[in-house]
C-alpha atoms as a PDB file:
ATOM      1  CA  VAL A   1      19.942  37.825 -87.731  1.00  0.00           C
ATOM      2  CA  GLN A   2      23.682  37.373 -87.216  1.00  0.00           C
ATOM      3  CA  LEU A   3      24.690  37.556 -83.589  1.00  0.00           C
ATOM      4  CA  GLN A   4      28.121  38.019 -82.112  1.00  0.00           C
ATOM      5  CA  ALA A   5      29.142  37.525 -78.514  1.00  0.00           C
ATOM      6  CA  SER A   6      32.162  39.378 -77.201  1.00  0.00           C
ATOM      7  CA  GLY A   7      33.882  40.312 -73.979  1.00  0.00           C
ATOM      8  CA  GLY A   8      35.268  37.003 -72.846  1.00  0.00           C
ATOM      9  CA  GLY A   9      38.714  36.581 -71.409  1.00  0.00           C
ATOM     10  CA  LEU A  10      40.850  35.244 -68.617  1.00  0.00           C
ATOM     11  CA  VAL A  11      40.108  36.393 -65.090  1.00  0.00           C
ATOM     12  CA  GLN A  12      40.976  35.261 -61.595  1.00  0.00           C
ATOM     13  CA  ALA A  13      38.355  33.794 -59.312  1.00  0.00           C
ATOM     14  CA  GLY A  14      36.337  36.560 -57.735  1.00  0.00           C
ATOM     15  CA  GLY A  15      36.820  38.833 -60.700  1.00  0.00           C
ATOM     16  CA  SER A  16      34.337  40.236 -63.194  1.00  0.00           C
ATOM     17  CA  LEU A  17      33.719  40.232 -66.915  1.00  0.00           C
ATOM     18  CA  ARG A  18      31.072  41.842 -69.058  1.00  0.00           C
ATOM     19  CA  LEU A  19      29.849  40.034 -72.148  1.00  0.00           C
ATOM     20  CA  SER A  20      27.982  41.738 -74.935  1.00  0.00           C
ATOM     21  CA  CYS A  21      25.710  40.301 -77.604  1.00  0.00           C
ATOM     22  CA  ALA A  22      25.195  42.340 -80.745  1.00  0.00           C
ATOM     23  CA  ALA A  23      23.560  41.802 -84.110  1.00  0.00           C
ATOM     24  CA  SER A  24      25.173  42.719 -87.383  1.00  0.00           C
ATOM     25  CA  GLY A  25      23.216  45.496 -89.016  1.00  0.00           C
ATOM     26  CA  ALA A  26      20.318  45.165 -86.626  1.00  0.00           C
ATOM     27  CA  THR A  27      19.162  45.853 -83.116  1.00  0.00           C
ATOM     28  CA  LEU A  28      18.316  43.276 -80.498  1.00  0.00           C
ATOM     29  CA  ASN A  29      15.641  45.469 -78.941  1.00  0.00           C
ATOM     30  CA  ASP A  30      12.887  43.437 -80.585  1.00  0.00           C
ATOM     31  CA  TYR A  31      14.187  40.023 -79.557  1.00  0.00           C
ATOM     32  CA  GLY A  32      14.192  37.939 -76.444  1.00  0.00           C
ATOM     33  CA  ILE A  33      17.876  37.201 -75.845  1.00  0.00           C
ATOM     34  CA  GLY A  34      19.555  34.571 -73.783  1.00  0.00           C
ATOM     35  CA  TRP A  35      23.031  33.586 -72.737  1.00  0.00           C
ATOM     36  CA  PHE A  36      24.196  29.992 -72.700  1.00  0.00           C
ATOM     37  CA  ARG A  37      27.463  28.349 -71.826  1.00  0.00           C
ATOM     38  CA  GLN A  38      29.118  25.074 -72.572  1.00  0.00           C
ATOM     39  CA  ALA A  39      32.165  23.688 -70.829  1.00  0.00           C
ATOM     40  CA  PRO A  40      34.204  20.802 -72.244  1.00  0.00           C
ATOM     41  CA  GLY A  41      32.456  17.521 -71.645  1.00  0.00           C
ATOM     42  CA  LYS A  42      29.336  19.180 -70.280  1.00  0.00           C
ATOM     43  CA  GLU A  43      25.925  19.906 -71.677  1.00  0.00           C
ATOM     44  CA  ARG A  44      24.974  23.373 -72.752  1.00  0.00           C
ATOM     45  CA  GLU A  45      23.430  25.365 -69.918  1.00  0.00           C
ATOM     46  CA  GLY A  46      20.985  28.221 -70.188  1.00  0.00           C
ATOM     47  CA  VAL A  47      22.502  30.907 -67.975  1.00  0.00           C
ATOM     48  CA  SER A  48      20.181  33.867 -68.290  1.00  0.00           C
ATOM     49  CA  CYS A  49      17.649  35.495 -70.576  1.00  0.00           C
ATOM     50  CA  ILE A  50      15.688  38.704 -70.922  1.00  0.00           C
ATOM     51  CA  ARG A  51      12.273  39.299 -72.447  1.00  0.00           C
ATOM     52  CA  THR A  52      11.491  41.730 -75.188  1.00  0.00           C
ATOM     53  CA  ASN A  53       8.881  44.076 -73.811  1.00  0.00           C
ATOM     54  CA  SER A  54       8.675  43.632 -70.057  1.00  0.00           C
ATOM     55  CA  GLY A  55      12.388  43.241 -69.523  1.00  0.00           C
ATOM     56  CA  ARG A  56      11.708  40.371 -67.158  1.00  0.00           C
ATOM     57  CA  THR A  57      14.697  38.184 -66.647  1.00  0.00           C
ATOM     58  CA  TYR A  58      15.615  34.626 -65.811  1.00  0.00           C
ATOM     59  CA  TYR A  59      18.754  33.298 -64.158  1.00  0.00           C
ATOM     60  CA  ALA A  60      19.964  29.778 -63.622  1.00  0.00           C
ATOM     61  CA  ASP A  61      20.461  28.956 -59.970  1.00  0.00           C
ATOM     62  CA  SER A  62      24.167  28.551 -60.597  1.00  0.00           C
ATOM     63  CA  VAL A  63      24.576  32.245 -61.440  1.00  0.00           C
ATOM     64  CA  LYS A  64      21.756  33.893 -59.519  1.00  0.00           C
ATOM     65  CA  GLY A  65      23.012  36.836 -57.495  1.00  0.00           C
ATOM     66  CA  ARG A  66      26.280  37.006 -59.418  1.00  0.00           C
ATOM     67  CA  PHE A  67      25.262  37.617 -63.032  1.00  0.00           C
ATOM     68  CA  THR A  68      23.067  40.418 -64.353  1.00  0.00           C
ATOM     69  CA  ILE A  69      21.572  40.564 -67.834  1.00  0.00           C
ATOM     70  CA  SER A  70      20.541  43.912 -69.265  1.00  0.00           C
ATOM     71  CA  ARG A  71      19.695  45.705 -72.457  1.00  0.00           C
ATOM     72  CA  ASP A  72      21.507  48.702 -73.834  1.00  0.00           C
ATOM     73  CA  SER A  73      18.647  50.032 -75.912  1.00  0.00           C
ATOM     74  CA  ALA A  74      20.753  52.815 -77.364  1.00  0.00           C
ATOM     75  CA  LYS A  75      23.270  50.325 -78.720  1.00  0.00           C
ATOM     76  CA  GLY A  76      20.729  47.588 -79.382  1.00  0.00           C
ATOM     77  CA  THR A  77      22.808  45.084 -77.471  1.00  0.00           C
ATOM     78  CA  VAL A  78      22.277  42.721 -74.554  1.00  0.00           C
ATOM     79  CA  ASP A  79      24.992  42.502 -71.922  1.00  0.00           C
ATOM     80  CA  LEU A  80      25.805  39.955 -69.261  1.00  0.00           C
ATOM     81  CA  GLN A  81      27.650  41.351 -66.271  1.00  0.00           C
ATOM     82  CA  MET A  82      29.398  38.522 -64.484  1.00  0.00           C
ATOM     83  CA  ASN A  83      30.678  39.176 -60.979  1.00  0.00           C
ATOM     84  CA  SER A  84      32.246  36.950 -58.341  1.00  0.00           C
ATOM     85  CA  LEU A  85      33.370  34.567 -61.024  1.00  0.00           C
ATOM     86  CA  LYS A  86      34.259  31.016 -60.095  1.00  0.00           C
ATOM     87  CA  PRO A  87      36.413  28.448 -61.875  1.00  0.00           C
ATOM     88  CA  GLU A  88      33.243  26.495 -62.633  1.00  0.00           C
ATOM     89  CA  ASP A  89      32.027  29.436 -64.723  1.00  0.00           C
ATOM     90  CA  THR A  90      34.741  28.600 -67.247  1.00  0.00           C
ATOM     91  CA  ALA A  91      33.048  27.857 -70.573  1.00  0.00           C
ATOM     92  CA  VAL A  92      32.344  29.158 -74.026  1.00  0.00           C
ATOM     93  CA  TYR A  93      29.461  31.595 -73.755  1.00  0.00           C
ATOM     94  CA  TYR A  94      26.931  32.055 -76.538  1.00  0.00           C
ATOM     95  CA  CYS A  95      23.972  34.346 -77.058  1.00  0.00           C
ATOM     96  CA  ALA A  96      20.814  33.510 -78.942  1.00  0.00           C
ATOM     97  CA  THR A  97      17.435  34.899 -79.836  1.00  0.00           C
ATOM     98  CA  LEU A  98      14.666  33.039 -78.028  1.00  0.00           C
ATOM     99  CA  VAL A  99      11.580  33.141 -75.884  1.00  0.00           C
ATOM    100  CA  CYS A 100      12.387  33.914 -72.267  1.00  0.00           C
ATOM    101  CA  SER A 101      10.010  32.502 -69.675  1.00  0.00           C
ATOM    102  CA  ASP A 102      10.060  32.589 -65.904  1.00  0.00           C
ATOM    103  CA  TYR A 103      11.276  28.994 -66.052  1.00  0.00           C
ATOM    104  CA  GLY A 104      14.036  29.502 -68.559  1.00  0.00           C
ATOM    105  CA  PRO A 105      14.739  30.046 -72.237  1.00  0.00           C
ATOM    106  CA  TYR A 106      13.225  28.104 -75.101  1.00  0.00           C
ATOM    107  CA  GLY A 107      12.619  28.404 -78.819  1.00  0.00           C
ATOM    108  CA  MET A 108      16.162  29.405 -79.650  1.00  0.00           C
ATOM    109  CA  GLU A 109      16.412  30.528 -83.243  1.00  0.00           C
ATOM    110  CA  TYR A 110      19.564  32.490 -84.047  1.00  0.00           C
ATOM    111  CA  TRP A 111      22.901  31.848 -82.388  1.00  0.00           C
ATOM    112  CA  GLY A 112      26.018  33.901 -82.167  1.00  0.00           C
ATOM    113  CA  GLY A 113      29.579  32.730 -82.189  1.00  0.00           C
ATOM    114  CA  GLY A 114      30.909  31.981 -78.738  1.00  0.00           C
ATOM    115  CA  THR A 115      33.303  33.870 -76.527  1.00  0.00           C
ATOM    116  CA  GLN A 116      35.635  32.032 -74.164  1.00  0.00           C
ATOM    117  CA  VAL A 117      35.506  32.785 -70.458  1.00  0.00           C
ATOM    118  CA  THR A 118      38.265  31.280 -68.350  1.00  0.00           C
ATOM    119  CA  VAL A 119      38.336  31.717 -64.589  1.00  0.00           C
ATOM    120  CA  SER A 120      41.521  30.716 -62.850  1.00  0.00           C
ATOM    121  CA  SER A 121      41.610  29.604 -59.243  1.00  0.00           C
END
């Protein structure tokens, strides 16, 4: 499965962006999908994930209440709506197929190329 993340960009603090994760020639409807981010000099952080069947979701405390992960079943994509963005959200964002638990993502298998999100203060 080849994944591709898109939708990044430059936004002012308080603004919004919507990221999308898609698979080349396939649908993500049958996969648990998660979003991760990595800022320069920092470890990769699991931001959010969504399960396959139940649609249950997980959010890191750092984004809870501001980010929303969802599936577009018609398109076979998984989106991450990011609102009230902060400068500390600046990072390269990646999506991956994985197992999504109530405690966070694990078992990452396929990764997409990243998309840069930059939030200016």
